[in-house]
mmCIF file of all heavy atoms, coordinates in Angstrom:
data_MODEL
# 
_entry.id   MODEL 
# 
loop_
_atom_site.group_PDB 
_atom_site.id 
_atom_site.type_symbol 
_atom_site.label_atom_id 
_atom_site.label_alt_id 
_atom_site.label_comp_id 
_atom_site.label_asym_id 
_atom_site.label_entity_id 
_atom_site.label_seq_id 
_atom_site.pdbx_PDB_ins_code 
_atom_site.Cartn_x 
_atom_site.Cartn_y 
_atom_site.Cartn_z 
_atom_site.occupancy 
_atom_site.B_iso_or_equiv 
_atom_site.pdbx_formal_charge 
_atom_site.auth_seq_id 
_atom_site.auth_comp_id 
_atom_site.auth_asym_id 
_atom_site.auth_atom_id 
_atom_site.pdbx_PDB_model_num 
ATOM 1   N N   . PRO A 1 1  ? 1.191  83.802 -74.037 1.00 0.00 ? 1  PRO A N   1 
ATOM 2   C CA  . PRO A 1 1  ? 1.112  85.265 -73.955 1.00 0.00 ? 1  PRO A CA  1 
ATOM 3   C C   . PRO A 1 1  ? 1.868  85.868 -75.138 1.00 0.00 ? 1  PRO A C   1 
ATOM 4   O O   . PRO A 1 1  ? 2.717  85.192 -75.763 1.00 0.00 ? 1  PRO A O   1 
ATOM 5   C CB  . PRO A 1 1  ? 1.803  85.583 -72.633 1.00 0.00 ? 1  PRO A CB  1 
ATOM 6   C CG  . PRO A 1 1  ? 1.778  84.309 -71.860 1.00 0.00 ? 1  PRO A CG  1 
ATOM 7   C CD  . PRO A 1 1  ? 1.846  83.206 -72.860 1.00 0.00 ? 1  PRO A CD  1 
ATOM 8   N N   . PRO A 1 2  ? 1.601  87.114 -75.493 1.00 0.00 ? 2  PRO A N   1 
ATOM 9   C CA  . PRO A 1 2  ? 2.283  87.729 -76.644 1.00 0.00 ? 2  PRO A CA  1 
ATOM 10  C C   . PRO A 1 2  ? 3.801  87.628 -76.571 1.00 0.00 ? 2  PRO A C   1 
ATOM 11  O O   . PRO A 1 2  ? 4.467  87.483 -77.598 1.00 0.00 ? 2  PRO A O   1 
ATOM 12  C CB  . PRO A 1 2  ? 1.812  89.187 -76.586 1.00 0.00 ? 2  PRO A CB  1 
ATOM 13  C CG  . PRO A 1 2  ? 0.487  89.122 -75.899 1.00 0.00 ? 2  PRO A CG  1 
ATOM 14  C CD  . PRO A 1 2  ? 0.609  88.030 -74.887 1.00 0.00 ? 2  PRO A CD  1 
ATOM 15  N N   . GLU A 1 3  ? 4.337  87.713 -75.351 1.00 0.00 ? 3  GLU A N   1 
ATOM 16  C CA  . GLU A 1 3  ? 5.802  87.636 -75.211 1.00 0.00 ? 3  GLU A CA  1 
ATOM 17  C C   . GLU A 1 3  ? 6.309  86.201 -75.216 1.00 0.00 ? 3  GLU A C   1 
ATOM 18  O O   . GLU A 1 3  ? 7.522  85.959 -75.201 1.00 0.00 ? 3  GLU A O   1 
ATOM 19  C CB  . GLU A 1 3  ? 6.247  88.332 -73.923 1.00 0.00 ? 3  GLU A CB  1 
ATOM 20  C CG  . GLU A 1 3  ? 5.814  87.645 -72.634 1.00 0.00 ? 3  GLU A CG  1 
ATOM 21  C CD  . GLU A 1 3  ? 4.401  87.958 -72.188 1.00 0.00 ? 3  GLU A CD  1 
ATOM 22  O OE1 . GLU A 1 3  ? 3.637  88.580 -72.979 1.00 0.00 ? 3  GLU A OE1 1 
ATOM 23  O OE2 . GLU A 1 3  ? 4.051  87.590 -71.045 1.00 0.00 ? 3  GLU A OE2 1 
ATOM 24  N N   . GLY A 1 4  ? 5.407  85.242 -75.233 1.00 0.00 ? 4  GLY A N   1 
ATOM 25  C CA  . GLY A 1 4  ? 5.800  83.837 -75.241 1.00 0.00 ? 4  GLY A CA  1 
ATOM 26  C C   . GLY A 1 4  ? 5.973  83.269 -73.848 1.00 0.00 ? 4  GLY A C   1 
ATOM 27  O O   . GLY A 1 4  ? 5.732  83.943 -72.838 1.00 0.00 ? 4  GLY A O   1 
ATOM 28  N N   . ILE A 1 5  ? 6.374  82.010 -73.779 1.00 0.00 ? 5  ILE A N   1 
ATOM 29  C CA  . ILE A 1 5  ? 6.715  81.370 -72.508 1.00 0.00 ? 5  ILE A CA  1 
ATOM 30  C C   . ILE A 1 5  ? 8.165  80.899 -72.587 1.00 0.00 ? 5  ILE A C   1 
ATOM 31  O O   . ILE A 1 5  ? 8.636  80.471 -73.636 1.00 0.00 ? 5  ILE A O   1 
ATOM 32  C CB  . ILE A 1 5  ? 5.782  80.179 -72.191 1.00 0.00 ? 5  ILE A CB  1 
ATOM 33  C CG1 . ILE A 1 5  ? 5.834  79.124 -73.313 1.00 0.00 ? 5  ILE A CG1 1 
ATOM 34  C CG2 . ILE A 1 5  ? 4.362  80.655 -71.963 1.00 0.00 ? 5  ILE A CG2 1 
ATOM 35  C CD1 . ILE A 1 5  ? 5.124  77.824 -72.963 1.00 0.00 ? 5  ILE A CD1 1 
ATOM 36  N N   . THR A 1 6  ? 8.856  80.991 -71.472 1.00 0.00 ? 6  THR A N   1 
ATOM 37  C CA  . THR A 1 6  ? 10.234 80.527 -71.380 1.00 0.00 ? 6  THR A CA  1 
ATOM 38  C C   . THR A 1 6  ? 10.325 79.572 -70.204 1.00 0.00 ? 6  THR A C   1 
ATOM 39  O O   . THR A 1 6  ? 9.879  79.889 -69.090 1.00 0.00 ? 6  THR A O   1 
ATOM 40  C CB  . THR A 1 6  ? 11.198 81.709 -71.158 1.00 0.00 ? 6  THR A CB  1 
ATOM 41  O OG1 . THR A 1 6  ? 11.093 82.606 -72.279 1.00 0.00 ? 6  THR A OG1 1 
ATOM 42  C CG2 . THR A 1 6  ? 12.628 81.216 -71.037 1.00 0.00 ? 6  THR A CG2 1 
ATOM 43  N N   . ALA A 1 7  ? 10.876 78.386 -70.447 1.00 0.00 ? 7  ALA A N   1 
ATOM 44  C CA  . ALA A 1 7  ? 10.923 77.384 -69.381 1.00 0.00 ? 7  ALA A CA  1 
ATOM 45  C C   . ALA A 1 7  ? 11.961 76.326 -69.717 1.00 0.00 ? 7  ALA A C   1 
ATOM 46  O O   . ALA A 1 7  ? 12.380 76.171 -70.874 1.00 0.00 ? 7  ALA A O   1 
ATOM 47  C CB  . ALA A 1 7  ? 9.557  76.725 -69.196 1.00 0.00 ? 7  ALA A CB  1 
ATOM 48  N N   . GLU A 1 8  ? 12.367 75.591 -68.671 1.00 0.00 ? 8  GLU A N   1 
ATOM 49  C CA  . GLU A 1 8  ? 13.243 74.441 -68.867 1.00 0.00 ? 8  GLU A CA  1 
ATOM 50  C C   . GLU A 1 8  ? 12.459 73.285 -69.485 1.00 0.00 ? 8  GLU A C   1 
ATOM 51  O O   . GLU A 1 8  ? 11.239 73.165 -69.301 1.00 0.00 ? 8  GLU A O   1 
ATOM 52  C CB  . GLU A 1 8  ? 13.851 73.995 -67.534 1.00 0.00 ? 8  GLU A CB  1 
ATOM 53  C CG  . GLU A 1 8  ? 14.908 74.930 -66.995 1.00 0.00 ? 8  GLU A CG  1 
ATOM 54  C CD  . GLU A 1 8  ? 15.630 74.341 -65.790 1.00 0.00 ? 8  GLU A CD  1 
ATOM 55  O OE1 . GLU A 1 8  ? 15.584 73.100 -65.624 1.00 0.00 ? 8  GLU A OE1 1 
ATOM 56  O OE2 . GLU A 1 8  ? 16.204 75.128 -65.027 1.00 0.00 ? 8  GLU A OE2 1 
ATOM 57  N N   . VAL A 1 9  ? 13.186 72.444 -70.179 1.00 0.00 ? 9  VAL A N   1 
ATOM 58  C CA  . VAL A 1 9  ? 12.589 71.285 -70.855 1.00 0.00 ? 9  VAL A CA  1 
ATOM 59  C C   . VAL A 1 9  ? 12.811 70.043 -70.020 1.00 0.00 ? 9  VAL A C   1 
ATOM 60  O O   . VAL A 1 9  ? 13.910 69.811 -69.491 1.00 0.00 ? 9  VAL A O   1 
ATOM 61  C CB  . VAL A 1 9  ? 13.206 71.091 -72.257 1.00 0.00 ? 9  VAL A CB  1 
ATOM 62  C CG1 . VAL A 1 9  ? 12.625 69.845 -72.940 1.00 0.00 ? 9  VAL A CG1 1 
ATOM 63  C CG2 . VAL A 1 9  ? 12.966 72.327 -73.123 1.00 0.00 ? 9  VAL A CG2 1 
ATOM 64  N N   . VAL A 1 10 ? 11.769 69.210 -69.915 1.00 0.00 ? 10 VAL A N   1 
ATOM 65  C CA  . VAL A 1 10 ? 11.894 67.883 -69.333 1.00 0.00 ? 10 VAL A CA  1 
ATOM 66  C C   . VAL A 1 10 ? 11.414 66.895 -70.384 1.00 0.00 ? 10 VAL A C   1 
ATOM 67  O O   . VAL A 1 10 ? 10.388 67.117 -71.038 1.00 0.00 ? 10 VAL A O   1 
ATOM 68  C CB  . VAL A 1 10 ? 11.095 67.754 -68.016 1.00 0.00 ? 10 VAL A CB  1 
ATOM 69  C CG1 . VAL A 1 10 ? 9.620  68.033 -68.225 1.00 0.00 ? 10 VAL A CG1 1 
ATOM 70  C CG2 . VAL A 1 10 ? 11.296 66.387 -67.398 1.00 0.00 ? 10 VAL A CG2 1 
ATOM 71  N N   . GLU A 1 11 ? 12.140 65.821 -70.581 1.00 0.00 ? 11 GLU A N   1 
ATOM 72  C CA  . GLU A 1 11 ? 11.846 64.875 -71.659 1.00 0.00 ? 11 GLU A CA  1 
ATOM 73  C C   . GLU A 1 11 ? 11.244 63.592 -71.108 1.00 0.00 ? 11 GLU A C   1 
ATOM 74  O O   . GLU A 1 11 ? 11.717 63.046 -70.107 1.00 0.00 ? 11 GLU A O   1 
ATOM 75  C CB  . GLU A 1 11 ? 13.129 64.542 -72.422 1.00 0.00 ? 11 GLU A CB  1 
ATOM 76  C CG  . GLU A 1 11 ? 12.919 63.580 -73.590 1.00 0.00 ? 11 GLU A CG  1 
ATOM 77  C CD  . GLU A 1 11 ? 14.221 63.236 -74.288 1.00 0.00 ? 11 GLU A CD  1 
ATOM 78  O OE1 . GLU A 1 11 ? 15.297 63.368 -73.651 1.00 0.00 ? 11 GLU A OE1 1 
ATOM 79  O OE2 . GLU A 1 11 ? 14.176 62.829 -75.464 1.00 0.00 ? 11 GLU A OE2 1 
ATOM 80  N N   . VAL A 1 12 ? 10.203 63.097 -71.789 1.00 0.00 ? 12 VAL A N   1 
ATOM 81  C CA  . VAL A 1 12 ? 9.620  61.799 -71.467 1.00 0.00 ? 12 VAL A CA  1 
ATOM 82  C C   . VAL A 1 12 ? 9.315  61.079 -72.776 1.00 0.00 ? 12 VAL A C   1 
ATOM 83  O O   . VAL A 1 12 ? 9.201  61.703 -73.834 1.00 0.00 ? 12 VAL A O   1 
ATOM 84  C CB  . VAL A 1 12 ? 8.329  61.920 -70.630 1.00 0.00 ? 12 VAL A CB  1 
ATOM 85  C CG1 . VAL A 1 12 ? 8.604  62.612 -69.304 1.00 0.00 ? 12 VAL A CG1 1 
ATOM 86  C CG2 . VAL A 1 12 ? 7.245  62.664 -71.402 1.00 0.00 ? 12 VAL A CG2 1 
ATOM 87  N N   . SER A 1 13 ? 9.144  59.771 -72.691 1.00 0.00 ? 13 SER A N   1 
ATOM 88  C CA  . SER A 1 13 ? 8.823  58.995 -73.889 1.00 0.00 ? 13 SER A CA  1 
ATOM 89  C C   . SER A 1 13 ? 7.510  58.235 -73.761 1.00 0.00 ? 13 SER A C   1 
ATOM 90  O O   . SER A 1 13 ? 7.168  57.450 -74.641 1.00 0.00 ? 13 SER A O   1 
ATOM 91  C CB  . SER A 1 13 ? 9.958  58.012 -74.206 1.00 0.00 ? 13 SER A CB  1 
ATOM 92  O OG  . SER A 1 13 ? 10.178 57.144 -73.109 1.00 0.00 ? 13 SER A OG  1 
ATOM 93  N N   . SER A 1 14 ? 6.781  58.463 -72.664 1.00 0.00 ? 14 SER A N   1 
ATOM 94  C CA  . SER A 1 14 ? 5.488  57.812 -72.487 1.00 0.00 ? 14 SER A CA  1 
ATOM 95  C C   . SER A 1 14 ? 4.673  58.593 -71.462 1.00 0.00 ? 14 SER A C   1 
ATOM 96  O O   . SER A 1 14 ? 5.217  59.381 -70.670 1.00 0.00 ? 14 SER A O   1 
ATOM 97  C CB  . SER A 1 14 ? 5.664  56.371 -72.015 1.00 0.00 ? 14 SER A CB  1 
ATOM 98  O OG  . SER A 1 14 ? 6.167  56.338 -70.694 1.00 0.00 ? 14 SER A OG  1 
ATOM 99  N N   . LEU A 1 15 ? 3.385  58.340 -71.451 1.00 0.00 ? 15 LEU A N   1 
ATOM 100 C CA  . LEU A 1 15 ? 2.527  58.973 -70.457 1.00 0.00 ? 15 LEU A CA  1 
ATOM 101 C C   . LEU A 1 15 ? 2.823  58.434 -69.066 1.00 0.00 ? 15 LEU A C   1 
ATOM 102 O O   . LEU A 1 15 ? 2.705  59.159 -68.067 1.00 0.00 ? 15 LEU A O   1 
ATOM 103 C CB  . LEU A 1 15 ? 1.059  58.745 -70.812 1.00 0.00 ? 15 LEU A CB  1 
ATOM 104 C CG  . LEU A 1 15 ? 0.598  59.354 -72.157 1.00 0.00 ? 15 LEU A CG  1 
ATOM 105 C CD1 . LEU A 1 15 ? -0.877 59.053 -72.390 1.00 0.00 ? 15 LEU A CD1 1 
ATOM 106 C CD2 . LEU A 1 15 ? 0.844  60.850 -72.192 1.00 0.00 ? 15 LEU A CD2 1 
ATOM 107 N N   . GLU A 1 16 ? 3.241  57.183 -68.987 1.00 0.00 ? 16 GLU A N   1 
ATOM 108 C CA  . GLU A 1 16 ? 3.606  56.595 -67.696 1.00 0.00 ? 16 GLU A CA  1 
ATOM 109 C C   . GLU A 1 16 ? 4.851  57.264 -67.132 1.00 0.00 ? 16 GLU A C   1 
ATOM 110 O O   . GLU A 1 16 ? 4.936  57.553 -65.927 1.00 0.00 ? 16 GLU A O   1 
ATOM 111 C CB  . GLU A 1 16 ? 3.840  55.094 -67.855 1.00 0.00 ? 16 GLU A CB  1 
ATOM 112 C CG  . GLU A 1 16 ? 2.597  54.283 -68.191 1.00 0.00 ? 16 GLU A CG  1 
ATOM 113 C CD  . GLU A 1 16 ? 2.161  54.424 -69.644 1.00 0.00 ? 16 GLU A CD  1 
ATOM 114 O OE1 . GLU A 1 16 ? 2.974  54.897 -70.487 1.00 0.00 ? 16 GLU A OE1 1 
ATOM 115 O OE2 . GLU A 1 16 ? 0.999  54.094 -69.933 1.00 0.00 ? 16 GLU A OE2 1 
ATOM 116 N N   . GLU A 1 17 ? 5.813  57.550 -68.005 1.00 0.00 ? 17 GLU A N   1 
ATOM 117 C CA  . GLU A 1 17 ? 7.034  58.232 -67.562 1.00 0.00 ? 17 GLU A CA  1 
ATOM 118 C C   . GLU A 1 17 ? 6.717  59.649 -67.098 1.00 0.00 ? 17 GLU A C   1 
ATOM 119 O O   . GLU A 1 17 ? 7.293  60.140 -66.120 1.00 0.00 ? 17 GLU A O   1 
ATOM 120 C CB  . GLU A 1 17 ? 8.041  58.259 -68.710 1.00 0.00 ? 17 GLU A CB  1 
ATOM 121 C CG  . GLU A 1 17 ? 9.419  58.745 -68.311 1.00 0.00 ? 17 GLU A CG  1 
ATOM 122 C CD  . GLU A 1 17 ? 10.412 58.663 -69.452 1.00 0.00 ? 17 GLU A CD  1 
ATOM 123 O OE1 . GLU A 1 17 ? 10.157 57.914 -70.418 1.00 0.00 ? 17 GLU A OE1 1 
ATOM 124 O OE2 . GLU A 1 17 ? 11.443 59.361 -69.368 1.00 0.00 ? 17 GLU A OE2 1 
ATOM 125 N N   . LEU A 1 18 ? 5.780  60.293 -67.780 1.00 0.00 ? 18 LEU A N   1 
ATOM 126 C CA  . LEU A 1 18 ? 5.354  61.626 -67.356 1.00 0.00 ? 18 LEU A CA  1 
ATOM 127 C C   . LEU A 1 18 ? 4.762  61.581 -65.953 1.00 0.00 ? 18 LEU A C   1 
ATOM 128 O O   . LEU A 1 18 ? 5.119  62.391 -65.087 1.00 0.00 ? 18 LEU A O   1 
ATOM 129 C CB  . LEU A 1 18 ? 4.314  62.173 -68.339 1.00 0.00 ? 18 LEU A CB  1 
ATOM 130 C CG  . LEU A 1 18 ? 3.663  63.498 -67.967 1.00 0.00 ? 18 LEU A CG  1 
ATOM 131 C CD1 . LEU A 1 18 ? 4.649  64.649 -68.095 1.00 0.00 ? 18 LEU A CD1 1 
ATOM 132 C CD2 . LEU A 1 18 ? 2.426  63.752 -68.831 1.00 0.00 ? 18 LEU A CD2 1 
ATOM 133 N N   . ALA A 1 19 ? 3.878  60.622 -65.712 1.00 0.00 ? 19 ALA A N   1 
ATOM 134 C CA  . ALA A 1 19 ? 3.235  60.514 -64.398 1.00 0.00 ? 19 ALA A CA  1 
ATOM 135 C C   . ALA A 1 19 ? 4.259  60.254 -63.302 1.00 0.00 ? 19 ALA A C   1 
ATOM 136 O O   . ALA A 1 19 ? 4.121  60.758 -62.179 1.00 0.00 ? 19 ALA A O   1 
ATOM 137 C CB  . ALA A 1 19 ? 2.187  59.403 -64.427 1.00 0.00 ? 19 ALA A CB  1 
ATOM 138 N N   . ALA A 1 20 ? 5.301  59.491 -63.619 1.00 0.00 ? 20 ALA A N   1 
ATOM 139 C CA  . ALA A 1 20 ? 6.304  59.146 -62.620 1.00 0.00 ? 20 ALA A CA  1 
ATOM 140 C C   . ALA A 1 20 ? 7.159  60.342 -62.202 1.00 0.00 ? 20 ALA A C   1 
ATOM 141 O O   . ALA A 1 20 ? 7.761  60.334 -61.126 1.00 0.00 ? 20 ALA A O   1 
ATOM 142 C CB  . ALA A 1 20 ? 7.205  58.030 -63.153 1.00 0.00 ? 20 ALA A CB  1 
ATOM 143 N N   . LEU A 1 21 ? 7.201  61.400 -63.026 1.00 0.00 ? 21 LEU A N   1 
ATOM 144 C CA  . LEU A 1 21 ? 8.031  62.565 -62.692 1.00 0.00 ? 21 LEU A CA  1 
ATOM 145 C C   . LEU A 1 21 ? 7.414  63.424 -61.597 1.00 0.00 ? 21 LEU A C   1 
ATOM 146 O O   . LEU A 1 21 ? 8.117  64.203 -60.946 1.00 0.00 ? 21 LEU A O   1 
ATOM 147 C CB  . LEU A 1 21 ? 8.250  63.421 -63.944 1.00 0.00 ? 21 LEU A CB  1 
ATOM 148 C CG  . LEU A 1 21 ? 9.199  62.852 -64.991 1.00 0.00 ? 21 LEU A CG  1 
ATOM 149 C CD1 . LEU A 1 21 ? 9.270  63.777 -66.195 1.00 0.00 ? 21 LEU A CD1 1 
ATOM 150 C CD2 . LEU A 1 21 ? 10.589 62.627 -64.409 1.00 0.00 ? 21 LEU A CD2 1 
ATOM 151 N N   . GLY A 1 22 ? 6.125  63.318 -61.403 1.00 0.00 ? 22 GLY A N   1 
ATOM 152 C CA  . GLY A 1 22 ? 5.481  64.065 -60.326 1.00 0.00 ? 22 GLY A CA  1 
ATOM 153 C C   . GLY A 1 22 ? 5.696  65.561 -60.432 1.00 0.00 ? 22 GLY A C   1 
ATOM 154 O O   . GLY A 1 22 ? 5.509  66.166 -61.499 1.00 0.00 ? 22 GLY A O   1 
ATOM 155 N N   . ASP A 1 23 ? 6.143  66.173 -59.329 1.00 0.00 ? 23 ASP A N   1 
ATOM 156 C CA  . ASP A 1 23 ? 6.280  67.635 -59.264 1.00 0.00 ? 23 ASP A CA  1 
ATOM 157 C C   . ASP A 1 23 ? 7.369  68.185 -60.176 1.00 0.00 ? 23 ASP A C   1 
ATOM 158 O O   . ASP A 1 23 ? 7.422  69.396 -60.414 1.00 0.00 ? 23 ASP A O   1 
ATOM 159 C CB  . ASP A 1 23 ? 6.582  68.067 -57.827 1.00 0.00 ? 23 ASP A CB  1 
ATOM 160 C CG  . ASP A 1 23 ? 5.365  67.926 -56.925 1.00 0.00 ? 23 ASP A CG  1 
ATOM 161 O OD1 . ASP A 1 23 ? 4.243  67.779 -57.469 1.00 0.00 ? 23 ASP A OD1 1 
ATOM 162 O OD2 . ASP A 1 23 ? 5.531  67.960 -55.691 1.00 0.00 ? 23 ASP A OD2 1 
ATOM 163 N N   . ARG A 1 24 ? 8.238  67.314 -60.681 1.00 0.00 ? 24 ARG A N   1 
ATOM 164 C CA  . ARG A 1 24 ? 9.327  67.800 -61.550 1.00 0.00 ? 24 ARG A CA  1 
ATOM 165 C C   . ARG A 1 24 ? 8.801  68.324 -62.884 1.00 0.00 ? 24 ARG A C   1 
ATOM 166 O O   . ARG A 1 24 ? 9.544  68.950 -63.647 1.00 0.00 ? 24 ARG A O   1 
ATOM 167 C CB  . ARG A 1 24 ? 10.340 66.691 -61.798 1.00 0.00 ? 24 ARG A CB  1 
ATOM 168 C CG  . ARG A 1 24 ? 11.233 66.414 -60.588 1.00 0.00 ? 24 ARG A CG  1 
ATOM 169 C CD  . ARG A 1 24 ? 12.191 65.287 -60.856 1.00 0.00 ? 24 ARG A CD  1 
ATOM 170 N NE  . ARG A 1 24 ? 11.508 63.987 -60.892 1.00 0.00 ? 24 ARG A NE  1 
ATOM 171 C CZ  . ARG A 1 24 ? 12.085 62.854 -61.251 1.00 0.00 ? 24 ARG A CZ  1 
ATOM 172 N NH1 . ARG A 1 24 ? 13.359 62.850 -61.624 1.00 0.00 ? 24 ARG A NH1 1 
ATOM 173 N NH2 . ARG A 1 24 ? 11.398 61.722 -61.229 1.00 0.00 ? 24 ARG A NH2 1 
# 
């Protein structure tokens, strides 16, 4: 959006690690 997005960062190093985070 014109005003941008603001959010917390979550870090992963693989697609498998991303999948394991689930709802987080």
